[in-house]
C-alpha cells in the first residue's frame, strides 16, 4: 500500500484532516493483508511537519489534541505489523521527520535535509524513537541544538537506512516488496514486535506533559517569530 502526502502547496504539512486520513488508512491496513506500507510526498518535499496555519484561532486544548493525534499516527507506523518504507526528498521538518523516523526502512534522495525544532517551543515529540535510531548522545545534541542534517549525515548516524536518487526508488520499492513477503504475516508481525521497544505510554505522557507547560500558543508564536 502506498500513501502519498498530497498538499504540495503547503509542503505536505500535517494538517488535522491529513493526519486523521493517514491514521485511518494505517489502522485499516493493520487488519488487512497489507505486507508493505510505502509513504511518499508529492511536490518539493516529503513533509514540512505540523501545519501551523490558523493555530492562533485554536484553543490550547485543540492544539494539544492535534499533537496527540500526530503521536498516535507515529506510533501506528512504528508498531505496524508489516514492513514500512519512507521515501523522502526535499526539506523536511518536525513531525514530518518524525514520520520518516517511525518507518522501518528510511530512504532519502541525496539532496534531502532534516530538522526537528519541536523542543525550541518546548514540545517533546518523537524523542525516544529518534534516539533509538541514532543513539542518546547524538539525539541530545541534534534535538537540543535544533540542528539540521543532510542525507549523508542521516545515513551515517543510522537515521536513514539508505540514500538513493528518486530515479532508483522504483527498484527500492520492488526490493522491499520482495523482502516483505519472505515471512508469513504472523512471523513478520512477531519479528516487528520483538525488535521494537514499546514506549507508547511514555511517549504520549511526555508529549501531553510538555504541551501542558504554560503558554503553548505563546511558545509557538515566539518560535515562529
Protein backbone atom coordinates (compact mmCIF):
# COMPACT_ATOMS: atom_id res chain seq x y z
CA UNK A 1 0.00 0.00 0.00
CA UNK A 2 1.36 3.41 -0.96
CA UNK A 3 0.17 6.57 0.77
CA UNK A 4 1.27 9.87 -0.77
CA UNK A 5 1.09 13.12 1.18
CA UNK A 6 -0.62 15.40 -1.31
CA UNK A 7 -0.59 19.00 -0.07
CA UNK A 8 2.24 20.28 -2.27
CA UNK A 9 1.14 23.91 -1.92
CA UNK A 10 1.69 23.56 1.86
CA UNK A 11 4.86 21.46 1.59
CA UNK A 12 2.75 18.49 2.76
CA UNK A 13 2.39 19.99 6.23
CA UNK A 14 0.42 17.74 8.57
CA UNK A 15 -3.00 19.31 8.93
CA UNK A 16 -5.62 17.76 11.18
CA UNK A 17 -7.55 16.16 8.28
CA UNK A 18 -4.36 14.79 6.72
CA UNK A 19 -3.25 13.19 9.99
CA UNK A 20 -6.70 11.69 10.53
CA UNK A 21 -6.77 10.28 6.99
CA UNK A 22 -3.32 8.73 7.34
CA UNK A 23 -4.12 7.24 10.73
CA UNK A 24 -7.38 5.78 9.43
CA UNK A 25 -5.65 4.16 6.45
CA UNK A 26 -2.86 2.68 8.56
CA UNK A 27 -5.25 1.29 11.15
CA UNK A 28 -7.29 -0.33 8.38
CA UNK A 29 -4.14 -1.77 6.85
CA UNK A 30 -3.17 -3.30 10.20
CA UNK A 31 -6.21 -5.58 10.00
CA UNK A 32 -5.78 -6.43 6.31
CA UNK A 33 -3.31 -8.42 4.19
CA UNK A 34 -1.01 -5.43 3.57
CA UNK A 35 2.63 -6.54 3.74
CA UNK A 36 4.41 -3.25 2.95
CA UNK A 37 3.40 0.36 3.56
CA UNK A 38 5.19 3.00 1.45
CA UNK A 39 4.99 6.66 2.46
CA UNK A 40 5.90 9.37 -0.06
CA UNK A 41 5.29 13.07 -0.54
CA UNK A 42 4.05 14.92 -3.61
CA UNK A 43 5.79 18.13 -4.65
CA UNK A 44 9.02 19.70 -3.39
CA UNK A 45 9.44 17.63 -0.24
CA UNK A 46 8.15 14.80 1.90
CA UNK A 47 6.70 16.90 4.73
CA UNK A 48 7.21 20.22 6.50
CA UNK A 49 5.74 18.78 9.70
CA UNK A 50 2.96 20.29 11.82
CA UNK A 51 0.69 22.66 9.92
CA UNK A 52 0.71 25.88 11.95
CA UNK A 53 -1.86 27.54 9.71
CA UNK A 54 -4.59 29.14 11.83
CA UNK A 55 -3.12 27.98 15.12
CA UNK A 56 -3.84 31.39 16.67
CA UNK A 57 -7.58 30.69 16.38
CA UNK A 58 -7.38 27.31 18.10
CA UNK A 59 -7.56 26.71 21.82
CA UNK A 60 -4.59 25.19 23.60
CA UNK A 61 -6.75 22.10 24.15
CA UNK A 62 -7.39 21.82 20.42
CA UNK A 63 -3.67 22.19 19.69
CA UNK A 64 -2.87 19.51 22.26
CA UNK A 65 -5.38 17.15 20.63
CA UNK A 66 -3.74 17.71 17.24
CA UNK A 67 -0.31 16.85 18.62
CA UNK A 68 -1.76 13.77 20.33
CA UNK A 69 -3.22 12.62 17.01
CA UNK A 70 0.20 13.03 15.37
CA UNK A 71 1.78 10.94 18.13
CA UNK A 72 -0.87 8.27 17.58
CA UNK A 73 -0.03 8.30 13.87
CA UNK A 74 3.68 7.91 14.57
CA UNK A 75 3.00 5.05 16.96
CA UNK A 76 0.74 3.30 14.45
CA UNK A 77 3.54 3.37 11.86
CA UNK A 78 6.31 2.45 14.29
CA UNK A 79 4.41 -0.55 15.69
CA UNK A 80 2.76 -1.64 12.44
CA UNK A 81 2.63 -5.43 11.95
CA UNK A 82 4.00 -5.04 8.40
CA UNK A 83 7.08 -3.52 6.78
CA UNK A 84 7.16 0.25 6.40
CA UNK A 85 9.18 2.33 3.93
CA UNK A 86 9.55 6.11 3.84
CA UNK A 87 10.80 7.75 0.63
CA UNK A 88 11.87 11.31 1.44
CA UNK A 89 13.11 14.24 -0.58
CA UNK A 90 13.48 17.98 -0.21
CA UNK A 91 13.45 19.96 3.05
CA UNK A 92 11.71 18.16 5.91
CA UNK A 93 10.83 19.43 9.35
CA UNK A 94 9.41 18.43 12.71
CA UNK A 95 6.70 15.83 12.71
CA UNK A 96 7.43 15.12 9.04
CA UNK A 97 10.90 13.95 10.07
CA UNK A 98 9.33 12.00 12.94
CA UNK A 99 7.09 10.23 10.42
CA UNK A 100 10.14 9.18 8.41
CA UNK A 101 11.84 8.07 11.62
CA UNK A 102 8.88 5.85 12.51
CA UNK A 103 9.35 3.71 9.39
CA UNK A 104 11.46 0.57 9.41
CA UNK A 105 13.05 1.39 6.05
CA UNK A 106 14.04 5.03 5.63
CA UNK A 107 15.30 6.12 2.22
CA UNK A 108 16.02 9.66 1.08
CA UNK A 109 17.23 11.42 -2.02
CA UNK A 110 20.84 12.62 -1.50
CA UNK A 111 19.66 16.24 -1.57
CA UNK A 112 17.16 15.83 1.29
CA UNK A 113 17.57 17.70 4.58
CA UNK A 114 16.00 17.22 8.00
CA UNK A 115 15.36 19.35 11.09
CA UNK A 116 13.31 18.75 14.26
CA UNK A 117 12.78 22.07 16.07
CA UNK A 118 9.98 20.99 18.42
CA UNK A 119 11.97 21.47 21.62
CA UNK A 120 12.54 25.10 20.58
CA UNK A 121 8.94 25.71 21.61
CA UNK A 122 9.01 23.12 24.37
CA UNK A 123 7.33 20.16 22.67
CA UNK A 124 8.59 16.62 23.24
CA UNK A 125 7.55 14.56 20.22
CA UNK A 126 9.31 11.53 18.78
CA UNK A 127 12.38 11.86 21.01
CA UNK A 128 12.70 8.22 22.05
CA UNK A 129 12.16 6.93 18.52
CA UNK A 130 14.86 9.23 17.17
CA UNK A 131 17.23 8.24 19.99
CA UNK A 132 16.58 4.57 19.17
CA UNK A 133 17.77 5.24 15.62
CA UNK A 134 20.86 7.38 16.27
CA UNK A 135 21.79 6.90 19.94
CA UNK A 136 21.16 9.03 23.00
CA UNK A 137 24.20 11.30 22.76
CA UNK A 138 23.59 12.38 19.17
CA UNK A 139 19.85 12.73 19.82
CA UNK A 140 20.52 15.10 22.73
CA UNK A 141 22.87 17.17 20.57
CA UNK A 142 20.68 17.36 17.46
CA UNK A 143 17.39 17.93 19.28
CA UNK A 144 18.80 20.18 21.98
CA UNK A 145 20.50 22.46 19.47
CA UNK A 146 17.84 22.19 16.76
CA UNK A 147 20.47 21.10 14.25
CA UNK A 148 19.64 20.42 10.63
CA UNK A 149 21.30 17.44 8.96
CA UNK A 150 21.59 16.22 5.40
CA UNK A 151 21.12 12.79 3.87
CA UNK A 152 24.78 11.82 4.17
CA UNK A 153 24.80 12.70 7.87
CA UNK A 154 21.47 10.94 8.38
CA UNK A 155 22.78 7.77 6.75
CA UNK A 156 25.99 7.78 8.79
CA UNK A 157 24.03 8.28 12.02
CA UNK A 158 21.53 5.49 11.32
CA UNK A 159 18.55 7.78 10.83
CA UNK A 160 18.37 6.67 7.20
CA UNK A 161 18.80 3.09 6.05
CA UNK A 162 19.71 4.17 2.50
CA UNK A 163 20.36 7.28 0.42
CA UNK A 164 19.26 6.94 -3.20
CA UNK A 165 18.17 9.15 -6.08
CA UNK A 166 14.45 9.29 -6.81
CA UNK A 167 15.25 7.56 -10.10
CA UNK A 168 16.15 4.46 -8.08
CA UNK A 169 13.11 4.42 -5.84
CA UNK A 170 11.14 2.04 -8.05
CA UNK A 171 13.82 -0.60 -7.64
CA UNK A 172 13.96 0.06 -3.87
CA UNK A 173 10.22 -0.44 -3.56
CA UNK A 174 10.44 -3.65 -5.58
CA UNK A 175 13.23 -4.99 -3.34
CA UNK A 176 11.31 -4.05 -0.19
CA UNK A 177 8.17 -5.68 -1.56
CA UNK A 178 10.03 -8.91 -2.22
CA UNK A 179 11.53 -8.88 1.27
CA UNK A 180 8.17 -8.10 2.90
CA UNK A 181 6.61 -11.38 1.72
CA UNK A 182 9.53 -13.61 2.66
CA UNK A 183 8.00 -14.34 6.07
CA UNK A 184 4.40 -15.12 6.87
CA UNK A 185 2.28 -12.23 8.12
CA UNK A 186 2.30 -13.75 11.60
CA UNK A 187 6.07 -14.21 11.66
CA UNK A 188 6.70 -10.70 10.38
CA UNK A 189 4.36 -9.19 12.99
CA UNK A 190 6.09 -11.18 15.71
CA UNK A 191 9.52 -10.05 14.49
CA UNK A 192 8.45 -6.41 14.46
CA UNK A 193 7.03 -6.69 17.98
CA UNK A 194 10.11 -8.46 19.34
CA UNK A 195 12.56 -5.92 17.91
CA UNK A 196 10.62 -2.72 18.65
CA UNK A 197 10.75 -1.33 22.17
CA UNK A 198 7.25 -0.37 23.27
CA UNK A 199 7.36 3.10 24.84
CA UNK A 200 3.95 4.24 23.61
CA UNK A 201 2.58 5.15 27.03
CA UNK A 202 5.73 7.06 27.99
CA UNK A 203 5.91 8.87 24.66
CA UNK A 204 2.31 10.01 24.89
CA UNK A 205 2.70 11.05 28.53
CA UNK A 206 5.82 13.08 27.69
CA UNK A 207 4.04 14.80 24.83
CA UNK A 208 0.98 15.70 26.89
CA UNK A 209 3.12 16.94 29.77
CA UNK A 210 5.25 19.17 27.52
CA UNK A 211 2.23 20.53 25.64
CA UNK A 212 0.62 21.34 29.01
CA UNK A 213 3.53 23.54 30.09
CA UNK A 214 2.25 27.13 30.43
CA UNK A 215 1.60 29.11 27.26
CA UNK A 216 1.74 26.62 24.39
CA UNK A 217 0.35 29.12 21.89
CA UNK A 218 2.72 31.84 23.07
CA UNK A 219 5.67 29.45 22.86
CA UNK A 220 4.70 28.64 19.27
CA UNK A 221 4.26 32.34 18.45
CA UNK A 222 7.73 33.20 19.79
CA UNK A 223 9.27 30.29 17.90
CA UNK A 224 7.62 31.28 14.63
CA UNK A 225 8.63 34.91 15.06
